[in-house]
Amino acid sequence: MACSPLEALSRSAVAMAERLSTVTSRPGDGGRTSHVRGLALALSATVFWSMAGLLIRLIGEATSWHIILYRSFGALVMIACMLAIIHRGRVVEVIRLAGWPAVLAGVCSSASSVLFILALSRVTVANATFMGGITPFLAALGAQVFLGERVPRRAWGAMGVAAIGVTLMLGGGLALGQLSGNLFALGSAVTFAGHALFLRLNRQSDMLPAVLYAACFGVIFGLLALGASGLSPRIPSRDLALALAMGVVQLGGGLVLYTRASRHLPAAELQLVATAELVMAPLWVWVGVREAPGAATLVGGALIILAILAQALGSRDRLPAR
């Protein structure tokens, strides 16, 4: 019963993205249409991703590595079928054209997913999610250095506020004996910023193969970790169904939409839109399983959200991506 509102929101988000993706451009309005399309796709991806914490909390016996394995396997099957349907006999060519940026984007995406799930086993969903709020600032810095996408001066102040929020959360985690969970969440933010940069690096090509690579790496990580731990891959059928659903809908669907959005938005703005998850993910968990964050998490997270809002409001006059 707890998942029904999320499923409804997901369907609405997908419908919105499809409608906006089929808008016919008027003369001279191509840049604006592309920008709106990118925003719709990125927001839809965020709705999918925000379900992760609640679905993981609903799993009973499976370990983090079981979740990583079957979540990745579900995403692998979904994206393989999607590539086969969309490109039919051109799948190999599409993978070749995506090139090494797709491989590196897949590595970063898979690492981010693994680190996030490991973080959730040690800290609250709000804590892990708020830490991800620094991703747009990391992406902005990386985009300026590697892609030549200039970071406005106003963004530096927002980054400073976000850094204070992260420091508070790390300090709160240290006091509660949860430092490792916070560090995992921080690593997830860093690697996902890398994912955004590599997608933008080859945005002229279809980067859906990056999702395929991410799923493959996730399966490999999960199998290796279970083998090293001496754990059986067998889990209860309910946990298996939830983990596979996470792969197909929550992870795979979100990554497909996000990858499409990367063709229309700069890396920094792409990450900025995705941080709507900071609001949704803790809300789903609070409503679904009554998980409440600690004081340091709330204060640090509020500073990160404040920094994101300040940057977003200051970026309203930015020219749309082309």
C-alpha atoms as a PDB file:
ATOM      1  CA  MET A   1       0.000   0.000   0.000  1.00  0.00           C
ATOM      2  CA  ALA A   2       2.847   2.407   0.769  1.00  0.00           C
ATOM      3  CA  CYS A   3       4.068   2.304  -2.851  1.00  0.00           C
ATOM      4  CA  SER A   4       0.821   3.317  -4.571  1.00  0.00           C
ATOM      5  CA  PRO A   5       1.293   7.104  -4.296  1.00  0.00           C
ATOM      6  CA  LEU A   6       4.812   6.711  -5.688  1.00  0.00           C
ATOM      7  CA  GLU A   7       3.597   4.641  -8.599  1.00  0.00           C
ATOM      8  CA  ALA A   8       0.975   7.264  -9.400  1.00  0.00           C
ATOM      9  CA  LEU A   9       3.561  10.024  -9.288  1.00  0.00           C
ATOM     10  CA  SER A  10       5.891   8.026 -11.506  1.00  0.00           C
ATOM     11  CA  ARG A  11       3.208   7.505 -14.147  1.00  0.00           C
ATOM     12  CA  SER A  12       2.358  11.201 -14.074  1.00  0.00           C
ATOM     13  CA  ALA A  13       6.003  12.164 -14.445  1.00  0.00           C
ATOM     14  CA  VAL A  14       6.519   9.831 -17.394  1.00  0.00           C
ATOM     15  CA  ALA A  15       3.371  11.120 -19.092  1.00  0.00           C
ATOM     16  CA  MET A  16       4.526  14.709 -18.586  1.00  0.00           C
ATOM     17  CA  ALA A  17       7.958  13.911 -20.015  1.00  0.00           C
ATOM     18  CA  GLU A  18       6.464  12.212 -23.073  1.00  0.00           C
ATOM     19  CA  ARG A  19       4.123  15.119 -23.774  1.00  0.00           C
ATOM     20  CA  LEU A  20       6.870  17.689 -23.486  1.00  0.00           C
ATOM     21  CA  SER A  21       9.275  15.583 -25.505  1.00  0.00           C
ATOM     22  CA  THR A  22       6.887  15.639 -28.489  1.00  0.00           C
ATOM     23  CA  VAL A  23       6.297  19.395 -28.553  1.00  0.00           C
ATOM     24  CA  THR A  24       6.705  20.815 -32.045  1.00  0.00           C
ATOM     25  CA  SER A  25       9.233  23.633 -32.127  1.00  0.00           C
ATOM     26  CA  ARG A  26       8.225  26.990 -33.551  1.00  0.00           C
ATOM     27  CA  PRO A  27      10.710  28.931 -35.712  1.00  0.00           C
ATOM     28  CA  GLY A  28      13.326  30.532 -33.503  1.00  0.00           C
ATOM     29  CA  ASP A  29      12.084  28.656 -30.459  1.00  0.00           C
ATOM     30  CA  GLY A  30      14.169  25.483 -30.734  1.00  0.00           C
ATOM     31  CA  GLY A  31      16.461  26.375 -27.838  1.00  0.00           C
ATOM     32  CA  ARG A  32      13.572  27.037 -25.462  1.00  0.00           C
ATOM     33  CA  THR A  33      11.762  23.845 -26.466  1.00  0.00           C
ATOM     34  CA  SER A  34      14.943  21.814 -25.960  1.00  0.00           C
ATOM     35  CA  HIS A  35      15.441  23.397 -22.539  1.00  0.00           C
ATOM     36  CA  VAL A  36      11.858  22.664 -21.426  1.00  0.00           C
ATOM     37  CA  ARG A  37      12.165  19.108 -22.698  1.00  0.00           C
ATOM     38  CA  GLY A  38      15.359  18.641 -20.716  1.00  0.00           C
ATOM     39  CA  LEU A  39      13.753  20.014 -17.557  1.00  0.00           C
ATOM     40  CA  ALA A  40      10.767  17.665 -17.913  1.00  0.00           C
ATOM     41  CA  LEU A  41      12.979  14.614 -18.446  1.00  0.00           C
ATOM     42  CA  ALA A  42      15.280  15.503 -15.538  1.00  0.00           C
ATOM     43  CA  LEU A  43      12.359  16.090 -13.156  1.00  0.00           C
ATOM     44  CA  SER A  44      10.787  12.788 -14.196  1.00  0.00           C
ATOM     45  CA  ALA A  45      14.058  10.999 -13.477  1.00  0.00           C
ATOM     46  CA  THR A  46      14.101  12.584 -10.033  1.00  0.00           C
ATOM     47  CA  VAL A  47      10.661  11.198  -9.199  1.00  0.00           C
ATOM     48  CA  PHE A  48      11.855   7.701 -10.047  1.00  0.00           C
ATOM     49  CA  TRP A  49      15.061   8.037  -8.036  1.00  0.00           C
ATOM     50  CA  SER A  50      13.302   9.435  -4.977  1.00  0.00           C
ATOM     51  CA  MET A  51      11.586   6.072  -4.463  1.00  0.00           C
ATOM     52  CA  ALA A  52      14.871   4.300  -3.658  1.00  0.00           C
ATOM     53  CA  GLY A  53      14.953   4.908   0.095  1.00  0.00           C
ATOM     54  CA  LEU A  54      11.391   3.761   0.712  1.00  0.00           C
ATOM     55  CA  LEU A  55      11.735   0.625  -1.425  1.00  0.00           C
ATOM     56  CA  ILE A  56      14.964  -0.318   0.338  1.00  0.00           C
ATOM     57  CA  ARG A  57      13.329   0.175   3.748  1.00  0.00           C
ATOM     58  CA  LEU A  58      10.506  -2.166   2.658  1.00  0.00           C
ATOM     59  CA  ILE A  59      12.998  -4.978   1.927  1.00  0.00           C
ATOM     60  CA  GLY A  60      13.156  -7.442   4.793  1.00  0.00           C
ATOM     61  CA  GLU A  61      16.154  -9.811   4.732  1.00  0.00           C
ATOM     62  CA  ALA A  62      18.286  -9.015   1.677  1.00  0.00           C
ATOM     63  CA  THR A  63      21.639  -7.331   2.343  1.00  0.00           C
ATOM     64  CA  SER A  64      22.900  -4.204   0.574  1.00  0.00           C
ATOM     65  CA  TRP A  65      24.881  -6.348  -1.858  1.00  0.00           C
ATOM     66  CA  HIS A  66      21.831  -8.470  -2.687  1.00  0.00           C
ATOM     67  CA  ILE A  67      19.936  -5.270  -3.461  1.00  0.00           C
ATOM     68  CA  ILE A  68      22.790  -3.970  -5.625  1.00  0.00           C
ATOM     69  CA  LEU A  69      22.967  -7.273  -7.550  1.00  0.00           C
ATOM     70  CA  TYR A  70      19.275  -7.692  -8.339  1.00  0.00           C
ATOM     71  CA  ARG A  71      18.565  -3.990  -8.762  1.00  0.00           C
ATOM     72  CA  SER A  72      21.365  -3.838 -11.347  1.00  0.00           C
ATOM     73  CA  PHE A  73      20.152  -7.028 -13.031  1.00  0.00           C
ATOM     74  CA  GLY A  74      16.648  -5.602 -13.399  1.00  0.00           C
ATOM     75  CA  ALA A  75      18.073  -2.416 -14.921  1.00  0.00           C
ATOM     76  CA  LEU A  76      20.287  -4.475 -17.247  1.00  0.00           C
ATOM     77  CA  VAL A  77      17.354  -6.436 -18.666  1.00  0.00           C
ATOM     78  CA  MET A  78      15.244  -3.300 -19.066  1.00  0.00           C
ATOM     79  CA  ILE A  79      17.864  -1.204 -20.858  1.00  0.00           C
ATOM     80  CA  ALA A  80      18.975  -4.104 -23.084  1.00  0.00           C
ATOM     81  CA  CYS A  81      15.376  -4.559 -24.249  1.00  0.00           C
ATOM     82  CA  MET A  82      14.972  -0.808 -24.750  1.00  0.00           C
ATOM     83  CA  LEU A  83      18.126  -0.551 -26.857  1.00  0.00           C
ATOM     84  CA  ALA A  84      17.024  -3.526 -28.953  1.00  0.00           C
ATOM     85  CA  ILE A  85      13.583  -1.982 -29.549  1.00  0.00           C
ATOM     86  CA  ILE A  86      14.762   1.564 -30.260  1.00  0.00           C
ATOM     87  CA  HIS A  87      17.785   0.765 -32.412  1.00  0.00           C
ATOM     88  CA  ARG A  88      16.959  -2.762 -33.591  1.00  0.00           C
ATOM     89  CA  GLY A  89      19.850  -3.901 -35.772  1.00  0.00           C
ATOM     90  CA  ARG A  90      22.035  -0.907 -34.865  1.00  0.00           C
ATOM     91  CA  VAL A  91      22.692  -1.711 -31.202  1.00  0.00           C
ATOM     92  CA  VAL A  92      26.387  -2.508 -31.717  1.00  0.00           C
ATOM     93  CA  GLU A  93      26.865   0.686 -33.728  1.00  0.00           C
ATOM     94  CA  VAL A  94      25.109   2.799 -31.084  1.00  0.00           C
ATOM     95  CA  ILE A  95      27.325   1.319 -28.364  1.00  0.00           C
ATOM     96  CA  ARG A  96      30.404   2.033 -30.485  1.00  0.00           C
ATOM     97  CA  LEU A  97      29.368   5.648 -31.137  1.00  0.00           C
ATOM     98  CA  ALA A  98      28.785   6.255 -27.422  1.00  0.00           C
ATOM     99  CA  GLY A  99      32.470   5.445 -26.999  1.00  0.00           C
ATOM    100  CA  TRP A 100      34.617   5.569 -23.892  1.00  0.00           C
ATOM    101  CA  PRO A 101      32.617   8.456 -22.293  1.00  0.00           C
ATOM    102  CA  ALA A 102      29.686   6.007 -21.978  1.00  0.00           C
ATOM    103  CA  VAL A 103      31.925   3.429 -20.287  1.00  0.00           C
ATOM    104  CA  LEU A 104      33.230   6.004 -17.797  1.00  0.00           C
ATOM    105  CA  ALA A 105      29.729   7.394 -17.223  1.00  0.00           C
ATOM    106  CA  GLY A 106      28.569   3.842 -16.503  1.00  0.00           C
ATOM    107  CA  VAL A 107      31.405   3.270 -14.039  1.00  0.00           C
ATOM    108  CA  CYS A 108      30.571   6.505 -12.204  1.00  0.00           C
ATOM    109  CA  SER A 109      26.840   5.801 -12.181  1.00  0.00           C
ATOM    110  CA  SER A 110      27.324   2.266 -10.890  1.00  0.00           C
ATOM    111  CA  ALA A 111      29.765   3.424  -8.194  1.00  0.00           C
ATOM    112  CA  SER A 112      27.343   6.158  -7.133  1.00  0.00           C
ATOM    113  CA  SER A 113      24.495   3.656  -6.854  1.00  0.00           C
ATOM    114  CA  VAL A 114      26.583   1.182  -4.852  1.00  0.00           C
ATOM    115  CA  LEU A 115      27.835   3.862  -2.455  1.00  0.00           C
ATOM    116  CA  PHE A 116      24.331   5.259  -1.966  1.00  0.00           C
ATOM    117  CA  ILE A 117      22.879   1.869  -1.027  1.00  0.00           C
ATOM    118  CA  LEU A 118      25.783   1.213   1.341  1.00  0.00           C
ATOM    119  CA  ALA A 119      25.155   4.638   2.904  1.00  0.00           C
ATOM    120  CA  LEU A 120      21.479   3.811   3.437  1.00  0.00           C
ATOM    121  CA  SER A 121      22.489   0.799   5.532  1.00  0.00           C
ATOM    122  CA  ARG A 122      24.245   3.162   7.969  1.00  0.00           C
ATOM    123  CA  VAL A 123      22.373   6.491   7.962  1.00  0.00           C
ATOM    124  CA  THR A 124      18.845   7.775   7.393  1.00  0.00           C
ATOM    125  CA  VAL A 125      17.454   8.291   3.902  1.00  0.00           C
ATOM    126  CA  ALA A 126      17.345  12.038   4.548  1.00  0.00           C
ATOM    127  CA  ASN A 127      21.011  12.080   5.513  1.00  0.00           C
ATOM    128  CA  ALA A 128      22.159  10.150   2.441  1.00  0.00           C
ATOM    129  CA  THR A 129      19.908  12.167   0.142  1.00  0.00           C
ATOM    130  CA  PHE A 130      20.828  15.587   1.509  1.00  0.00           C
ATOM    131  CA  MET A 131      24.502  14.773   1.059  1.00  0.00           C
ATOM    132  CA  GLY A 132      23.753  14.273  -2.617  1.00  0.00           C
ATOM    133  CA  GLY A 133      22.734  17.931  -2.746  1.00  0.00           C
ATOM    134  CA  ILE A 134      26.345  18.961  -3.290  1.00  0.00           C
ATOM    135  CA  THR A 135      26.437  17.086  -6.594  1.00  0.00           C
ATOM    136  CA  PRO A 136      25.399  20.074  -8.778  1.00  0.00           C
ATOM    137  CA  PHE A 137      28.216  22.161  -7.342  1.00  0.00           C
ATOM    138  CA  LEU A 138      30.728  19.389  -7.929  1.00  0.00           C
ATOM    139  CA  ALA A 139      29.368  19.000 -11.457  1.00  0.00           C
ATOM    140  CA  ALA A 140      29.652  22.753 -12.019  1.00  0.00           C
ATOM    141  CA  LEU A 141      33.290  22.769 -10.967  1.00  0.00           C
ATOM    142  CA  GLY A 142      34.078  19.763 -13.126  1.00  0.00           C
ATOM    143  CA  ALA A 143      32.203  21.224 -16.098  1.00  0.00           C
ATOM    144  CA  GLN A 144      34.211  24.447 -15.907  1.00  0.00           C
ATOM    145  CA  VAL A 145      37.528  22.596 -15.751  1.00  0.00           C
ATOM    146  CA  PHE A 146      36.858  19.844 -18.303  1.00  0.00           C
ATOM    147  CA  LEU A 147      33.960  21.027 -20.509  1.00  0.00           C
ATOM    148  CA  GLY A 148      34.396  24.790 -20.549  1.00  0.00           C
ATOM    149  CA  GLU A 149      30.897  25.402 -19.127  1.00  0.00           C
ATOM    150  CA  ARG A 150      31.463  28.566 -17.108  1.00  0.00           C
ATOM    151  CA  VAL A 151      30.411  28.694 -13.451  1.00  0.00           C
ATOM    152  CA  PRO A 152      28.786  32.085 -12.636  1.00  0.00           C
ATOM    153  CA  ARG A 153      30.286  34.041  -9.764  1.00  0.00           C
ATOM    154  CA  ARG A 154      27.029  33.830  -7.816  1.00  0.00           C
ATOM    155  CA  ALA A 155      27.424  30.036  -7.714  1.00  0.00           C
ATOM    156  CA  TRP A 156      30.554  30.230  -5.575  1.00  0.00           C
ATOM    157  CA  GLY A 157      28.644  31.660  -2.602  1.00  0.00           C
ATOM    158  CA  ALA A 158      26.034  28.912  -2.945  1.00  0.00           C
ATOM    159  CA  MET A 159      28.814  26.327  -2.988  1.00  0.00           C
ATOM    160  CA  GLY A 160      30.208  27.763   0.233  1.00  0.00           C
ATOM    161  CA  VAL A 161      26.822  27.466   1.966  1.00  0.00           C
ATOM    162  CA  ALA A 162      26.441  23.895   0.711  1.00  0.00           C
ATOM    163  CA  ALA A 163      29.925  23.056   2.000  1.00  0.00           C
ATOM    164  CA  ILE A 164      28.926  24.296   5.468  1.00  0.00           C
ATOM    165  CA  GLY A 165      25.860  22.039   5.328  1.00  0.00           C
ATOM    166  CA  VAL A 166      27.995  19.034   4.405  1.00  0.00           C
ATOM    167  CA  THR A 167      30.403  19.819   7.242  1.00  0.00           C
ATOM    168  CA  LEU A 168      27.542  19.919   9.746  1.00  0.00           C
ATOM    169  CA  MET A 169      26.216  16.594   8.511  1.00  0.00           C
ATOM    170  CA  LEU A 170      29.645  14.957   8.655  1.00  0.00           C
ATOM    171  CA  GLY A 171      30.120  16.306  12.182  1.00  0.00           C
ATOM    172  CA  GLY A 172      26.709  15.015  13.242  1.00  0.00           C
ATOM    173  CA  GLY A 173      27.511  11.619  11.735  1.00  0.00           C
ATOM    174  CA  LEU A 174      30.796  11.492  13.609  1.00  0.00           C
ATOM    175  CA  ALA A 175      29.032  12.269  16.893  1.00  0.00           C
ATOM    176  CA  LEU A 176      26.487   9.503  16.264  1.00  0.00           C
ATOM    177  CA  GLY A 177      29.031   6.971  15.088  1.00  0.00           C
ATOM    178  CA  GLN A 178      27.716   7.214  11.506  1.00  0.00           C
ATOM    179  CA  LEU A 179      30.733   8.786   9.815  1.00  0.00           C
ATOM    180  CA  SER A 180      31.207   5.861   7.408  1.00  0.00           C
ATOM    181  CA  GLY A 181      27.629   6.220   6.152  1.00  0.00           C
ATOM    182  CA  ASN A 182      28.143   9.934   5.552  1.00  0.00           C
ATOM    183  CA  LEU A 183      31.392   9.271   3.715  1.00  0.00           C
ATOM    184  CA  PHE A 184      29.662   6.700   1.511  1.00  0.00           C
ATOM    185  CA  ALA A 185      26.975   9.287   0.727  1.00  0.00           C
ATOM    186  CA  LEU A 186      29.646  11.885  -0.041  1.00  0.00           C
ATOM    187  CA  GLY A 187      31.375   9.439  -2.387  1.00  0.00           C
ATOM    188  CA  SER A 188      28.046   8.794  -4.097  1.00  0.00           C
ATOM    189  CA  ALA A 189      27.653  12.530  -4.739  1.00  0.00           C
ATOM    190  CA  VAL A 190      31.175  12.838  -6.155  1.00  0.00           C
ATOM    191  CA  THR A 191      30.845   9.883  -8.518  1.00  0.00           C
ATOM    192  CA  PHE A 192      27.419  10.959  -9.754  1.00  0.00           C
ATOM    193  CA  ALA A 193      28.840  14.376 -10.631  1.00  0.00           C
ATOM    194  CA  GLY A 194      31.375  12.491 -12.747  1.00  0.00           C
ATOM    195  CA  HIS A 195      28.499  10.617 -14.371  1.00  0.00           C
ATOM    196  CA  ALA A 196      26.899  13.919 -15.437  1.00  0.00           C
ATOM    197  CA  LEU A 197      30.167  15.223 -16.859  1.00  0.00           C
ATOM    198  CA  PHE A 198      30.849  12.158 -18.985  1.00  0.00           C
ATOM    199  CA  LEU A 199      27.292  12.231 -20.362  1.00  0.00           C
ATOM    200  CA  ARG A 200      27.763  15.858 -21.410  1.00  0.00           C
ATOM    201  CA  LEU A 201      31.151  15.074 -22.920  1.00  0.00           C
ATOM    202  CA  ASN A 202      29.537  13.045 -25.723  1.00  0.00           C
ATOM    203  CA  ARG A 203      26.020  14.521 -25.710  1.00  0.00           C
ATOM    204  CA  GLN A 204      25.832  14.494 -29.535  1.00  0.00           C
ATOM    205  CA  SER A 205      25.538  10.693 -29.400  1.00  0.00           C
ATOM    206  CA  ASP A 206      22.870   8.500 -27.845  1.00  0.00           C
ATOM    207  CA  MET A 207      24.282   7.799 -24.385  1.00  0.00           C
ATOM    208  CA  LEU A 208      21.813   5.088 -23.379  1.00  0.00           C
ATOM    209  CA  PRO A 209      24.688   2.568 -23.549  1.00  0.00           C
ATOM    210  CA  ALA A 210      26.032   4.309 -20.425  1.00  0.00           C
ATOM    211  CA  VAL A 211      23.016   2.936 -18.531  1.00  0.00           C
ATOM    212  CA  LEU A 212      23.765  -0.522 -19.925  1.00  0.00           C
ATOM    213  CA  TYR A 213      27.366  -0.274 -18.712  1.00  0.00           C
ATOM    214  CA  ALA A 214      26.216   0.954 -15.285  1.00  0.00           C
ATOM    215  CA  ALA A 215      23.908  -2.035 -14.889  1.00  0.00           C
ATOM    216  CA  CYS A 216      26.633  -4.472 -15.990  1.00  0.00           C
ATOM    217  CA  PHE A 217      29.121  -3.046 -13.516  1.00  0.00           C
ATOM    218  CA  GLY A 218      26.496  -3.187 -10.747  1.00  0.00           C
ATOM    219  CA  VAL A 219      25.878  -6.897 -11.394  1.00  0.00           C
ATOM    220  CA  ILE A 220      29.621  -7.558 -11.331  1.00  0.00           C
ATOM    221  CA  PHE A 221      30.115  -5.595  -8.095  1.00  0.00           C
ATOM    222  CA  GLY A 222      27.215  -7.425  -6.448  1.00  0.00           C
ATOM    223  CA  LEU A 223      28.418 -10.902  -7.449  1.00  0.00           C
ATOM    224  CA  LEU A 224      32.003 -10.220  -6.388  1.00  0.00           C
ATOM    225  CA  ALA A 225      30.939  -8.781  -3.017  1.00  0.00           C
ATOM    226  CA  LEU A 226      28.574 -11.669  -2.250  1.00  0.00           C
ATOM    227  CA  GLY A 227      31.262 -14.163  -3.203  1.00  0.00           C
ATOM    228  CA  ALA A 228      33.871 -12.428  -1.062  1.00  0.00           C
ATOM    229  CA  SER A 229      31.458 -12.361   1.882  1.00  0.00           C
ATOM    230  CA  GLY A 230      30.501 -16.007   1.486  1.00  0.00           C
ATOM    231  CA  LEU A 231      26.809 -15.099   1.132  1.00  0.00           C
ATOM    232  CA  SER A 232      24.293 -17.030  -0.951  1.00  0.00           C
ATOM    233  CA  PRO A 233      22.566 -15.032  -3.711  1.00  0.00           C
ATOM    234  CA  ARG A 234      19.214 -16.525  -2.638  1.00  0.00           C
ATOM    235  CA  ILE A 235      16.791 -14.111  -0.947  1.00  0.00           C
ATOM    236  CA  PRO A 236      13.037 -14.199  -0.126  1.00  0.00           C
ATOM    237  CA  SER A 237      10.769 -13.813  -3.155  1.00  0.00           C
ATOM    238  CA  ARG A 238       9.286 -10.557  -1.830  1.00  0.00           C
ATOM    239  CA  ASP A 239      12.730  -8.994  -1.463  1.00  0.00           C
ATOM    240  CA  LEU A 240      13.690 -10.269  -4.913  1.00  0.00           C
ATOM    241  CA  ALA A 241      10.591  -8.720  -6.487  1.00  0.00           C
ATOM    242  CA  LEU A 242      11.246  -5.370  -4.800  1.00  0.00           C
ATOM    243  CA  ALA A 243      14.919  -5.337  -5.840  1.00  0.00           C
ATOM    244  CA  LEU A 244      14.109  -6.232  -9.453  1.00  0.00           C
ATOM    245  CA  ALA A 245      11.372  -3.583  -9.543  1.00  0.00           C
ATOM    246  CA  MET A 246      13.888  -1.058  -8.273  1.00  0.00           C
ATOM    247  CA  GLY A 247      16.169  -1.949 -11.174  1.00  0.00           C
ATOM    248  CA  VAL A 248      13.514  -1.788 -13.874  1.00  0.00           C
ATOM    249  CA  VAL A 249      11.554   1.263 -12.674  1.00  0.00           C
ATOM    250  CA  GLN A 250      13.421   3.234 -10.031  1.00  0.00           C
ATOM    251  CA  LEU A 251      17.009   2.898 -11.320  1.00  0.00           C
ATOM    252  CA  GLY A 252      16.667   1.982 -15.002  1.00  0.00           C
ATOM    253  CA  GLY A 253      13.746   4.267 -15.752  1.00  0.00           C
ATOM    254  CA  GLY A 254      15.363   7.159 -13.902  1.00  0.00           C
ATOM    255  CA  LEU A 255      18.722   6.740 -15.656  1.00  0.00           C
ATOM    256  CA  VAL A 256      17.093   6.535 -19.096  1.00  0.00           C
ATOM    257  CA  LEU A 257      15.209   9.795 -18.515  1.00  0.00           C
ATOM    258  CA  TYR A 258      18.281  11.461 -17.007  1.00  0.00           C
ATOM    259  CA  THR A 259      20.466  10.350 -19.932  1.00  0.00           C
ATOM    260  CA  ARG A 260      17.966  11.839 -22.381  1.00  0.00           C
ATOM    261  CA  ALA A 261      17.878  15.059 -20.370  1.00  0.00           C
ATOM    262  CA  SER A 262      21.678  15.372 -20.572  1.00  0.00           C
ATOM    263  CA  ARG A 263      21.358  16.181 -24.284  1.00  0.00           C
ATOM    264  CA  HIS A 264      19.384  19.339 -23.512  1.00  0.00           C
ATOM    265  CA  LEU A 265      20.785  20.782 -20.257  1.00  0.00           C
ATOM    266  CA  PRO A 266      24.272  21.864 -19.097  1.00  0.00           C
ATOM    267  CA  ALA A 267      25.851  19.566 -16.509  1.00  0.00           C
ATOM    268  CA  ALA A 268      25.400  21.996 -13.610  1.00  0.00           C
ATOM    269  CA  GLU A 269      21.737  22.690 -14.391  1.00  0.00           C
ATOM    270  CA  LEU A 270      21.101  18.997 -14.992  1.00  0.00           C
ATOM    271  CA  GLN A 271      22.280  18.222 -11.479  1.00  0.00           C
ATOM    272  CA  LEU A 272      20.452  21.218 -10.028  1.00  0.00           C
ATOM    273  CA  VAL A 273      17.101  19.948 -11.304  1.00  0.00           C
ATOM    274  CA  ALA A 274      17.842  16.433 -10.047  1.00  0.00           C
ATOM    275  CA  THR A 275      18.176  17.723  -6.487  1.00  0.00           C
ATOM    276  CA  ALA A 276      14.389  17.885  -6.189  1.00  0.00           C
ATOM    277  CA  GLU A 277      15.015  14.385  -4.848  1.00  0.00           C
ATOM    278  CA  LEU A 278      16.239  16.022  -1.631  1.00  0.00           C
ATOM    279  CA  VAL A 279      12.680  16.999  -0.833  1.00  0.00           C
ATOM    280  CA  MET A 280      10.831  13.952  -2.151  1.00  0.00           C
ATOM    281  CA  ALA A 281      12.958  11.047  -0.876  1.00  0.00           C
ATOM    282  CA  PRO A 282      12.826  11.908   2.863  1.00  0.00           C
ATOM    283  CA  LEU A 283       9.105  12.652   2.510  1.00  0.00           C
ATOM    284  CA  TRP A 284       8.291   9.211   1.069  1.00  0.00           C
ATOM    285  CA  VAL A 285      10.221   7.488   3.866  1.00  0.00           C
ATOM    286  CA  TRP A 286       8.641   9.609   6.582  1.00  0.00           C
ATOM    287  CA  VAL A 287       5.143   8.889   5.243  1.00  0.00           C
ATOM    288  CA  GLY A 288       5.832   5.220   4.476  1.00  0.00           C
ATOM    289  CA  VAL A 289       7.909   4.002   7.433  1.00  0.00           C
ATOM    290  CA  ARG A 290       8.033   7.001   9.806  1.00  0.00           C
ATOM    291  CA  GLU A 291      11.804   7.431   9.523  1.00  0.00           C
ATOM    292  CA  ALA A 292      12.783  10.843  10.915  1.00  0.00           C
ATOM    293  CA  PRO A 293      16.204  12.496  10.392  1.00  0.00           C
ATOM    294  CA  GLY A 294      18.364  13.901  13.196  1.00  0.00           C
ATOM    295  CA  ALA A 295      18.922  17.571  14.016  1.00  0.00           C
ATOM    296  CA  ALA A 296      22.337  17.826  12.313  1.00  0.00           C
ATOM    297  CA  THR A 297      20.894  16.254   9.180  1.00  0.00           C
ATOM    298  CA  LEU A 298      17.989  18.704   9.104  1.00  0.00           C
ATOM    299  CA  VAL A 299      20.189  21.767   9.634  1.00  0.00           C
ATOM    300  CA  GLY A 300      22.854  20.658   7.168  1.00  0.00           C
ATOM    301  CA  GLY A 301      20.254  19.576   4.629  1.00  0.00           C
ATOM    302  CA  ALA A 302      18.406  22.884   4.980  1.00  0.00           C
ATOM    303  CA  LEU A 303      21.632  24.769   4.177  1.00  0.00           C
ATOM    304  CA  ILE A 304      22.214  22.611   1.102  1.00  0.00           C
ATOM    305  CA  ILE A 305      18.641  23.144  -0.108  1.00  0.00           C
ATOM    306  CA  LEU A 306      19.001  26.893   0.558  1.00  0.00           C
ATOM    307  CA  ALA A 307      22.178  26.939  -1.552  1.00  0.00           C
ATOM    308  CA  ILE A 308      20.431  25.068  -4.375  1.00  0.00           C
ATOM    309  CA  LEU A 309      17.440  27.428  -4.329  1.00  0.00           C
ATOM    310  CA  ALA A 310      19.709  30.476  -4.320  1.00  0.00           C
ATOM    311  CA  GLN A 311      21.597  29.126  -7.317  1.00  0.00           C
ATOM    312  CA  ALA A 312      18.393  28.195  -9.149  1.00  0.00           C
ATOM    313  CA  LEU A 313      16.795  31.613  -8.614  1.00  0.00           C
ATOM    314  CA  GLY A 314      20.001  33.308  -9.694  1.00  0.00           C
ATOM    315  CA  SER A 315      20.117  31.220 -12.861  1.00  0.00           C
ATOM    316  CA  ARG A 316      16.719  32.211 -14.237  1.00  0.00           C
ATOM    317  CA  ASP A 317      18.313  34.514 -16.788  1.00  0.00           C
ATOM    318  CA  ARG A 318      20.643  31.814 -18.131  1.00  0.00           C
ATOM    319  CA  LEU A 319      20.361  31.119 -21.827  1.00  0.00           C
ATOM    320  CA  PRO A 320      18.822  27.722 -22.644  1.00  0.00           C
ATOM    321  CA  ALA A 321      21.068  24.884 -23.710  1.00  0.00           C
ATOM    322  CA  ARG A 322      21.352  24.186 -27.426  1.00  0.00           C
END
